[in-house]
Amino acid sequence: MKHIARKRFGQHFLKDRQVLSDLVAAISPQTTDHVIEIGPGTGALTQLLLKHLPRLTAIEIDRDLVEHLKKACPPDRLLIHQGDVLRFDFRRVITDGQYRLVGNLPYNISTPLLFRLIPFADRIRDQHFMLQKEVVERMIAAPGSKAYGRLSILLQWRYQMDLLFTVPPAMFSPPPRVESAVVRMISRTAPQPCHPDKLEKTVTAAFSQRRKMLRNTLAPLFDEATLVQVGIDPLQRPENLSVEQYIVLSEHLPLS
């Protein structure tokens, strides 16, 4: 299919057959899986997945690509929802059972989309996404590193994540300006008990000025006595606290 990539949709289509094959191997789709593909594009990954699956659900924003996929794939095997995934109601497709999500995500929507999916983590078995490599490095970053921050903490609370392999720009059409990477996100079956709104508010405040000490950045939310009470040195910088420490601290935040 000839399709001119649309910049407003952040389209960069994965074209390399070996990378596509490696991605399918990493996903390892089984006939009993409930798989949702986000942004199928021209259908390169879609076609390979359908060789292993009786049916597949897809969400695509581009109307022209939706029409192409409807013609290219059997309608009884590919259920396509046309629309913006950032506004899509996932309750329409994620109901009972365990789901697997896959996709080559546009870089401009990857972070907000990952946050939108957190509330569904208990019904998602795993996620395999192609993302900007820098974003993946932030997702999996350890405390004390420069990449560690809000994204790392909020996702690591809910998922076990690994960078599987990197993909150079030449593997896409058109090629992006940055390197990409495939991340595997496995939902934690028993995450540390936490109120997500409290955790997000705490972490956002902590990293609002990451070079300052916690007693300063967290002052609007906690006094120093509370920090000490939960075992946190007020003189520490935000990147030095573990995910577990942020969760414990956030539980001392009253609900607004």
C-alpha atoms as a PDB file:
ATOM      1  CA  MET A   1       0.000   0.000   0.000  1.00  0.00           C
ATOM      2  CA  LYS A   2       1.203   3.508  -0.876  1.00  0.00           C
ATOM      3  CA  HIS A   3       0.486   5.852   1.999  1.00  0.00           C
ATOM      4  CA  ILE A   4       2.080   9.213   2.720  1.00  0.00           C
ATOM      5  CA  ALA A   5       2.879   9.374   6.433  1.00  0.00           C
ATOM      6  CA  ARG A   6       1.019  12.134   8.215  1.00  0.00           C
ATOM      7  CA  LYS A   7       3.105  14.236  10.564  1.00  0.00           C
ATOM      8  CA  ARG A   8       0.133  15.207  12.698  1.00  0.00           C
ATOM      9  CA  PHE A   9      -0.340  11.523  13.587  1.00  0.00           C
ATOM     10  CA  GLY A  10       3.377  10.963  14.225  1.00  0.00           C
ATOM     11  CA  GLN A  11       3.442   8.164  11.641  1.00  0.00           C
ATOM     12  CA  HIS A  12       6.663   6.187  11.176  1.00  0.00           C
ATOM     13  CA  PHE A  13       5.882   2.755   9.774  1.00  0.00           C
ATOM     14  CA  LEU A  14       8.089  -0.166  10.753  1.00  0.00           C
ATOM     15  CA  LYS A  15       9.136  -1.777   7.465  1.00  0.00           C
ATOM     16  CA  ASP A  16      12.051  -4.108   8.224  1.00  0.00           C
ATOM     17  CA  ARG A  17      10.942  -7.747   8.014  1.00  0.00           C
ATOM     18  CA  GLN A  18      13.547  -9.015  10.461  1.00  0.00           C
ATOM     19  CA  VAL A  19      12.603  -6.463  13.120  1.00  0.00           C
ATOM     20  CA  LEU A  20       8.913  -7.287  12.615  1.00  0.00           C
ATOM     21  CA  SER A  21       9.743 -10.985  12.978  1.00  0.00           C
ATOM     22  CA  ASP A  22      11.771 -10.289  16.146  1.00  0.00           C
ATOM     23  CA  LEU A  23       8.865  -8.305  17.577  1.00  0.00           C
ATOM     24  CA  VAL A  24       6.376 -11.109  16.939  1.00  0.00           C
ATOM     25  CA  ALA A  25       8.814 -13.599  18.485  1.00  0.00           C
ATOM     26  CA  ALA A  26       9.079 -11.397  21.579  1.00  0.00           C
ATOM     27  CA  ILE A  27       5.289 -11.185  21.851  1.00  0.00           C
ATOM     28  CA  SER A  28       4.911 -14.934  21.210  1.00  0.00           C
ATOM     29  CA  PRO A  29       1.166 -14.758  20.450  1.00  0.00           C
ATOM     30  CA  GLN A  30      -0.927 -17.832  21.298  1.00  0.00           C
ATOM     31  CA  THR A  31      -4.266 -18.849  19.799  1.00  0.00           C
ATOM     32  CA  THR A  32      -6.063 -18.234  23.111  1.00  0.00           C
ATOM     33  CA  ASP A  33      -4.699 -14.687  23.559  1.00  0.00           C
ATOM     34  CA  HIS A  34      -6.862 -11.561  23.510  1.00  0.00           C
ATOM     35  CA  VAL A  35      -4.578  -9.104  21.699  1.00  0.00           C
ATOM     36  CA  ILE A  36      -5.172  -5.397  21.080  1.00  0.00           C
ATOM     37  CA  GLU A  37      -2.924  -3.596  18.598  1.00  0.00           C
ATOM     38  CA  ILE A  38      -2.602   0.166  18.968  1.00  0.00           C
ATOM     39  CA  GLY A  39      -1.822   2.001  15.741  1.00  0.00           C
ATOM     40  CA  PRO A  40      -1.652  -0.866  13.215  1.00  0.00           C
ATOM     41  CA  GLY A  41      -0.796   1.567  10.421  1.00  0.00           C
ATOM     42  CA  THR A  42      -0.427  -0.194   7.088  1.00  0.00           C
ATOM     43  CA  GLY A  43      -0.819  -3.568   8.800  1.00  0.00           C
ATOM     44  CA  ALA A  44       2.716  -4.998   8.627  1.00  0.00           C
ATOM     45  CA  LEU A  45       2.617  -6.258  12.228  1.00  0.00           C
ATOM     46  CA  THR A  46      -1.118  -6.949  12.036  1.00  0.00           C
ATOM     47  CA  GLN A  47      -0.699  -9.452   9.205  1.00  0.00           C
ATOM     48  CA  LEU A  48       2.016 -11.330  11.093  1.00  0.00           C
ATOM     49  CA  LEU A  49      -0.020 -11.458  14.301  1.00  0.00           C
ATOM     50  CA  LEU A  50      -3.043 -12.838  12.452  1.00  0.00           C
ATOM     51  CA  LYS A  51      -0.933 -15.822  11.391  1.00  0.00           C
ATOM     52  CA  HIS A  52      -0.952 -16.842  15.066  1.00  0.00           C
ATOM     53  CA  LEU A  53      -4.294 -15.502  16.291  1.00  0.00           C
ATOM     54  CA  PRO A  54      -7.889 -16.365  15.362  1.00  0.00           C
ATOM     55  CA  ARG A  55      -8.833 -12.696  15.793  1.00  0.00           C
ATOM     56  CA  LEU A  56      -7.302  -9.347  16.679  1.00  0.00           C
ATOM     57  CA  THR A  57      -8.630  -5.993  17.888  1.00  0.00           C
ATOM     58  CA  ALA A  58      -7.020  -2.807  16.562  1.00  0.00           C
ATOM     59  CA  ILE A  59      -7.332   0.932  17.245  1.00  0.00           C
ATOM     60  CA  GLU A  60      -6.319   3.280  14.417  1.00  0.00           C
ATOM     61  CA  ILE A  61      -6.803   7.038  14.064  1.00  0.00           C
ATOM     62  CA  ASP A  62      -6.175   7.359  10.312  1.00  0.00           C
ATOM     63  CA  ARG A  63      -9.408   6.820   8.340  1.00  0.00           C
ATOM     64  CA  ASP A  64      -7.541   5.921   5.137  1.00  0.00           C
ATOM     65  CA  LEU A  65      -5.563   3.224   6.937  1.00  0.00           C
ATOM     66  CA  VAL A  66      -8.724   1.882   8.542  1.00  0.00           C
ATOM     67  CA  GLU A  67     -10.256   1.426   5.085  1.00  0.00           C
ATOM     68  CA  HIS A  68      -7.082  -0.263   3.868  1.00  0.00           C
ATOM     69  CA  LEU A  69      -7.050  -2.680   6.795  1.00  0.00           C
ATOM     70  CA  LYS A  70     -10.709  -3.532   6.284  1.00  0.00           C
ATOM     71  CA  LYS A  71      -9.900  -4.582   2.723  1.00  0.00           C
ATOM     72  CA  ALA A  72      -6.644  -6.336   3.564  1.00  0.00           C
ATOM     73  CA  CYS A  73      -7.854  -8.417   6.524  1.00  0.00           C
ATOM     74  CA  PRO A  74     -10.893 -10.693   6.997  1.00  0.00           C
ATOM     75  CA  PRO A  75     -13.587  -8.700   8.876  1.00  0.00           C
ATOM     76  CA  ASP A  76     -14.384 -11.670  11.106  1.00  0.00           C
ATOM     77  CA  ARG A  77     -10.755 -11.776  12.291  1.00  0.00           C
ATOM     78  CA  LEU A  78      -9.825  -8.108  12.588  1.00  0.00           C
ATOM     79  CA  LEU A  79     -12.082  -5.804  14.610  1.00  0.00           C
ATOM     80  CA  ILE A  80     -11.038  -2.196  13.943  1.00  0.00           C
ATOM     81  CA  HIS A  81     -11.975   0.825  16.047  1.00  0.00           C
ATOM     82  CA  GLN A  82     -11.337   4.136  14.291  1.00  0.00           C
ATOM     83  CA  GLY A  83     -10.392   7.014  16.572  1.00  0.00           C
ATOM     84  CA  ASP A  84      -7.819   8.781  18.729  1.00  0.00           C
ATOM     85  CA  VAL A  85      -6.396   6.308  21.220  1.00  0.00           C
ATOM     86  CA  LEU A  86      -5.919   9.112  23.770  1.00  0.00           C
ATOM     87  CA  ARG A  87      -9.682   9.633  23.797  1.00  0.00           C
ATOM     88  CA  PHE A  88     -10.661   6.016  23.255  1.00  0.00           C
ATOM     89  CA  ASP A  89     -12.736   4.367  25.973  1.00  0.00           C
ATOM     90  CA  PHE A  90     -10.736   1.207  26.686  1.00  0.00           C
ATOM     91  CA  ARG A  91     -13.680  -0.202  28.599  1.00  0.00           C
ATOM     92  CA  ARG A  92     -15.114  -1.007  25.165  1.00  0.00           C
ATOM     93  CA  VAL A  93     -12.390  -3.573  24.474  1.00  0.00           C
ATOM     94  CA  ILE A  94     -10.870  -4.427  27.879  1.00  0.00           C
ATOM     95  CA  THR A  95     -13.561  -6.243  29.821  1.00  0.00           C
ATOM     96  CA  ASP A  96     -13.198  -9.547  31.648  1.00  0.00           C
ATOM     97  CA  GLY A  97     -10.082 -11.646  31.322  1.00  0.00           C
ATOM     98  CA  GLN A  98      -6.453 -10.879  30.560  1.00  0.00           C
ATOM     99  CA  TYR A  99      -5.448  -8.824  27.533  1.00  0.00           C
ATOM    100  CA  ARG A 100      -2.194  -8.324  25.676  1.00  0.00           C
ATOM    101  CA  LEU A 101      -1.411  -4.941  24.115  1.00  0.00           C
ATOM    102  CA  VAL A 102       1.052  -4.360  21.292  1.00  0.00           C
ATOM    103  CA  GLY A 103       1.966  -1.481  19.029  1.00  0.00           C
ATOM    104  CA  ASN A 104       4.428   0.855  17.381  1.00  0.00           C
ATOM    105  CA  LEU A 105       3.393   3.973  19.288  1.00  0.00           C
ATOM    106  CA  PRO A 106       3.729   7.514  17.925  1.00  0.00           C
ATOM    107  CA  TYR A 107       6.332   9.268  20.035  1.00  0.00           C
ATOM    108  CA  ASN A 108       4.144  12.307  20.671  1.00  0.00           C
ATOM    109  CA  ILE A 109       1.466  10.283  22.489  1.00  0.00           C
ATOM    110  CA  SER A 110       3.458   7.497  24.143  1.00  0.00           C
ATOM    111  CA  THR A 111       3.777   8.935  27.664  1.00  0.00           C
ATOM    112  CA  PRO A 112       0.148  10.069  28.109  1.00  0.00           C
ATOM    113  CA  LEU A 113      -1.050   6.767  26.644  1.00  0.00           C
ATOM    114  CA  LEU A 114       1.041   4.722  29.076  1.00  0.00           C
ATOM    115  CA  PHE A 115      -0.495   6.668  31.960  1.00  0.00           C
ATOM    116  CA  ARG A 116      -4.015   6.160  30.546  1.00  0.00           C
ATOM    117  CA  LEU A 117      -3.503   2.391  30.551  1.00  0.00           C
ATOM    118  CA  ILE A 118      -2.418   2.111  34.214  1.00  0.00           C
ATOM    119  CA  PRO A 119      -6.000   1.800  35.572  1.00  0.00           C
ATOM    120  CA  PHE A 120      -6.472  -1.279  33.362  1.00  0.00           C
ATOM    121  CA  ALA A 121      -3.258  -3.005  34.470  1.00  0.00           C
ATOM    122  CA  ASP A 122      -5.116  -5.633  36.513  1.00  0.00           C
ATOM    123  CA  ARG A 123      -6.776  -6.794  33.279  1.00  0.00           C
ATOM    124  CA  ILE A 124      -3.664  -6.542  31.106  1.00  0.00           C
ATOM    125  CA  ARG A 125      -1.229  -9.439  31.104  1.00  0.00           C
ATOM    126  CA  ASP A 126       1.521  -7.627  29.248  1.00  0.00           C
ATOM    127  CA  GLN A 127       2.325  -4.867  26.804  1.00  0.00           C
ATOM    128  CA  HIS A 128       4.926  -4.875  24.022  1.00  0.00           C
ATOM    129  CA  PHE A 129       5.480  -1.400  22.613  1.00  0.00           C
ATOM    130  CA  MET A 130       7.905   0.219  20.197  1.00  0.00           C
ATOM    131  CA  LEU A 131       8.843   3.587  21.679  1.00  0.00           C
ATOM    132  CA  GLN A 132      11.523   6.227  21.502  1.00  0.00           C
ATOM    133  CA  LYS A 133      14.577   4.654  23.138  1.00  0.00           C
ATOM    134  CA  GLU A 134      15.004   7.611  25.484  1.00  0.00           C
ATOM    135  CA  VAL A 135      11.472   7.089  26.805  1.00  0.00           C
ATOM    136  CA  VAL A 136      12.104   3.378  27.429  1.00  0.00           C
ATOM    137  CA  GLU A 137      15.302   4.232  29.297  1.00  0.00           C
ATOM    138  CA  ARG A 138      13.309   6.579  31.521  1.00  0.00           C
ATOM    139  CA  MET A 139      10.679   3.890  32.104  1.00  0.00           C
ATOM    140  CA  ILE A 140      13.182   1.309  33.361  1.00  0.00           C
ATOM    141  CA  ALA A 141      15.605   3.707  35.090  1.00  0.00           C
ATOM    142  CA  ALA A 142      16.842   2.869  38.590  1.00  0.00           C
ATOM    143  CA  PRO A 143      16.894   5.287  41.548  1.00  0.00           C
ATOM    144  CA  GLY A 144      19.932   7.537  41.548  1.00  0.00           C
ATOM    145  CA  SER A 145      20.172   7.789  37.757  1.00  0.00           C
ATOM    146  CA  LYS A 146      19.526  10.895  35.677  1.00  0.00           C
ATOM    147  CA  ALA A 147      16.747   9.144  33.742  1.00  0.00           C
ATOM    148  CA  TYR A 148      14.841   8.169  36.915  1.00  0.00           C
ATOM    149  CA  GLY A 149      11.758  10.260  37.542  1.00  0.00           C
ATOM    150  CA  ARG A 150       7.981  10.509  37.456  1.00  0.00           C
ATOM    151  CA  LEU A 151       7.590   8.130  34.497  1.00  0.00           C
ATOM    152  CA  SER A 152       9.877   5.521  36.090  1.00  0.00           C
ATOM    153  CA  ILE A 153       8.057   5.517  39.435  1.00  0.00           C
ATOM    154  CA  LEU A 154       4.446   5.536  38.247  1.00  0.00           C
ATOM    155  CA  LEU A 155       5.071   2.710  35.767  1.00  0.00           C
ATOM    156  CA  GLN A 156       7.403   0.596  37.905  1.00  0.00           C
ATOM    157  CA  TRP A 157       4.777   0.537  40.642  1.00  0.00           C
ATOM    158  CA  ARG A 158       2.454  -1.313  38.255  1.00  0.00           C
ATOM    159  CA  TYR A 159       4.748  -3.163  35.818  1.00  0.00           C
ATOM    160  CA  GLN A 160       7.925  -5.183  35.566  1.00  0.00           C
ATOM    161  CA  MET A 161       9.655  -3.721  32.508  1.00  0.00           C
ATOM    162  CA  ASP A 162      12.562  -4.664  30.258  1.00  0.00           C
ATOM    163  CA  LEU A 163      14.127  -3.120  27.164  1.00  0.00           C
ATOM    164  CA  LEU A 164      14.205  -6.029  24.706  1.00  0.00           C
ATOM    165  CA  PHE A 165      16.075  -4.589  21.722  1.00  0.00           C
ATOM    166  CA  THR A 166      16.790  -1.318  19.953  1.00  0.00           C
ATOM    167  CA  VAL A 167      15.760  -0.361  16.424  1.00  0.00           C
ATOM    168  CA  PRO A 168      17.668   2.176  14.274  1.00  0.00           C
ATOM    169  CA  PRO A 169      15.817   4.894  12.330  1.00  0.00           C
ATOM    170  CA  ALA A 170      16.486   3.253   8.948  1.00  0.00           C
ATOM    171  CA  MET A 171      14.066   0.437   9.830  1.00  0.00           C
ATOM    172  CA  PHE A 172      11.111   2.844   9.493  1.00  0.00           C
ATOM    173  CA  SER A 173       9.429   4.730   6.691  1.00  0.00           C
ATOM    174  CA  PRO A 174       9.868   7.633   6.994  1.00  0.00           C
ATOM    175  CA  PRO A 175      12.829   7.264   9.374  1.00  0.00           C
ATOM    176  CA  PRO A 176      12.454   9.123  12.689  1.00  0.00           C
ATOM    177  CA  ARG A 177      15.266  11.318  13.967  1.00  0.00           C
ATOM    178  CA  VAL A 178      15.836   9.169  17.045  1.00  0.00           C
ATOM    179  CA  GLU A 179      16.551   5.559  17.908  1.00  0.00           C
ATOM    180  CA  SER A 180      13.669   3.336  18.968  1.00  0.00           C
ATOM    181  CA  ALA A 181      13.372   0.414  21.368  1.00  0.00           C
ATOM    182  CA  VAL A 182      10.934  -2.367  22.174  1.00  0.00           C
ATOM    183  CA  VAL A 183       9.836  -2.575  25.800  1.00  0.00           C
ATOM    184  CA  ARG A 184       8.065  -5.459  27.520  1.00  0.00           C
ATOM    185  CA  MET A 185       5.726  -4.433  30.344  1.00  0.00           C
ATOM    186  CA  ILE A 186       4.383  -7.253  32.506  1.00  0.00           C
ATOM    187  CA  SER A 187       1.624  -6.243  34.902  1.00  0.00           C
ATOM    188  CA  ARG A 188       2.425  -6.962  38.541  1.00  0.00           C
ATOM    189  CA  THR A 189      -0.089  -9.419  39.978  1.00  0.00           C
ATOM    190  CA  ALA A 190       0.315  -8.050  43.507  1.00  0.00           C
ATOM    191  CA  PRO A 191       1.537  -4.446  43.344  1.00  0.00           C
ATOM    192  CA  GLN A 192       2.333  -2.608  46.557  1.00  0.00           C
ATOM    193  CA  PRO A 193      -0.976  -1.179  47.864  1.00  0.00           C
ATOM    194  CA  CYS A 194      -1.239   2.415  46.761  1.00  0.00           C
ATOM    195  CA  HIS A 195      -3.707   5.138  45.874  1.00  0.00           C
ATOM    196  CA  PRO A 196      -2.641   6.169  42.335  1.00  0.00           C
ATOM    197  CA  ASP A 197      -3.795   9.792  42.634  1.00  0.00           C
ATOM    198  CA  LYS A 198      -1.829  10.262  45.842  1.00  0.00           C
ATOM    199  CA  LEU A 199       1.275   8.687  44.304  1.00  0.00           C
ATOM    200  CA  GLU A 200       1.084  10.850  41.193  1.00  0.00           C
ATOM    201  CA  LYS A 201       0.620  14.039  43.212  1.00  0.00           C
ATOM    202  CA  THR A 202       3.551  13.172  45.485  1.00  0.00           C
ATOM    203  CA  VAL A 203       5.913  12.243  42.669  1.00  0.00           C
ATOM    204  CA  THR A 204       4.955  15.236  40.531  1.00  0.00           C
ATOM    205  CA  ALA A 205       5.708  17.591  43.414  1.00  0.00           C
ATOM    206  CA  ALA A 206       8.984  15.855  44.230  1.00  0.00           C
ATOM    207  CA  PHE A 207      10.327  16.155  40.685  1.00  0.00           C
ATOM    208  CA  SER A 208       9.011  19.650  40.015  1.00  0.00           C
ATOM    209  CA  GLN A 209      12.557  20.863  40.724  1.00  0.00           C
ATOM    210  CA  ARG A 210      14.706  17.763  40.769  1.00  0.00           C
ATOM    211  CA  ARG A 211      17.918  19.567  41.784  1.00  0.00           C
ATOM    212  CA  LYS A 212      16.350  20.762  45.041  1.00  0.00           C
ATOM    213  CA  MET A 213      16.099  18.804  48.289  1.00  0.00           C
ATOM    214  CA  LEU A 214      12.900  16.980  49.176  1.00  0.00           C
ATOM    215  CA  ARG A 215      12.192  19.234  52.142  1.00  0.00           C
ATOM    216  CA  ASN A 216      11.777  22.039  49.590  1.00  0.00           C
ATOM    217  CA  THR A 217       9.968  20.341  46.715  1.00  0.00           C
ATOM    218  CA  LEU A 218       7.596  18.428  49.012  1.00  0.00           C
ATOM    219  CA  ALA A 219       6.988  21.305  51.427  1.00  0.00           C
ATOM    220  CA  PRO A 220       3.522  22.069  49.983  1.00  0.00           C
ATOM    221  CA  LEU A 221       2.433  18.486  50.748  1.00  0.00           C
ATOM    222  CA  PHE A 222       4.450  17.233  53.752  1.00  0.00           C
ATOM    223  CA  ASP A 223       6.310  18.719  56.679  1.00  0.00           C
ATOM    224  CA  GLU A 224       9.794  17.486  57.554  1.00  0.00           C
ATOM    225  CA  ALA A 225       8.469  15.522  60.520  1.00  0.00           C
ATOM    226  CA  THR A 226       6.375  13.361  58.196  1.00  0.00           C
ATOM    227  CA  LEU A 227       9.366  12.689  55.948  1.00  0.00           C
ATOM    228  CA  VAL A 228      11.450  11.608  58.919  1.00  0.00           C
ATOM    229  CA  GLN A 229       8.570   9.523  60.279  1.00  0.00           C
ATOM    230  CA  VAL A 230       8.529   7.348  57.139  1.00  0.00           C
ATOM    231  CA  GLY A 231      12.304   7.033  57.032  1.00  0.00           C
ATOM    232  CA  ILE A 232      13.105   9.659  54.395  1.00  0.00           C
ATOM    233  CA  ASP A 233      16.007  12.070  54.766  1.00  0.00           C
ATOM    234  CA  PRO A 234      14.602  15.562  54.002  1.00  0.00           C
ATOM    235  CA  LEU A 235      18.004  16.528  52.573  1.00  0.00           C
ATOM    236  CA  GLN A 236      17.814  13.886  49.854  1.00  0.00           C
ATOM    237  CA  ARG A 237      17.097  14.781  46.244  1.00  0.00           C
ATOM    238  CA  PRO A 238      14.025  13.242  44.580  1.00  0.00           C
ATOM    239  CA  GLU A 239      15.940  10.797  42.361  1.00  0.00           C
ATOM    240  CA  ASN A 240      17.430   9.056  45.409  1.00  0.00           C
ATOM    241  CA  LEU A 241      14.143   7.635  46.741  1.00  0.00           C
ATOM    242  CA  SER A 242      12.944   4.203  45.686  1.00  0.00           C
ATOM    243  CA  VAL A 243       9.519   3.473  44.229  1.00  0.00           C
ATOM    244  CA  GLU A 244       8.567   1.807  47.513  1.00  0.00           C
ATOM    245  CA  GLN A 245       9.527   4.890  49.519  1.00  0.00           C
ATOM    246  CA  TYR A 246       7.378   7.139  47.330  1.00  0.00           C
ATOM    247  CA  ILE A 247       4.425   4.782  47.765  1.00  0.00           C
ATOM    248  CA  VAL A 248       4.775   4.732  51.552  1.00  0.00           C
ATOM    249  CA  LEU A 249       5.085   8.509  51.683  1.00  0.00           C
ATOM    250  CA  SER A 250       2.124   9.079  49.346  1.00  0.00           C
ATOM    251  CA  GLU A 251      -0.189   7.163  51.675  1.00  0.00           C
ATOM    252  CA  HIS A 252       0.300   9.969  54.237  1.00  0.00           C
ATOM    253  CA  LEU A 253      -1.223  12.454  51.814  1.00  0.00           C
ATOM    254  CA  PRO A 254      -4.892  13.240  52.517  1.00  0.00           C
ATOM    255  CA  LEU A 255      -7.321  12.826  49.652  1.00  0.00           C
ATOM    256  CA  SER A 256      -8.417  16.196  48.339  1.00  0.00           C
END
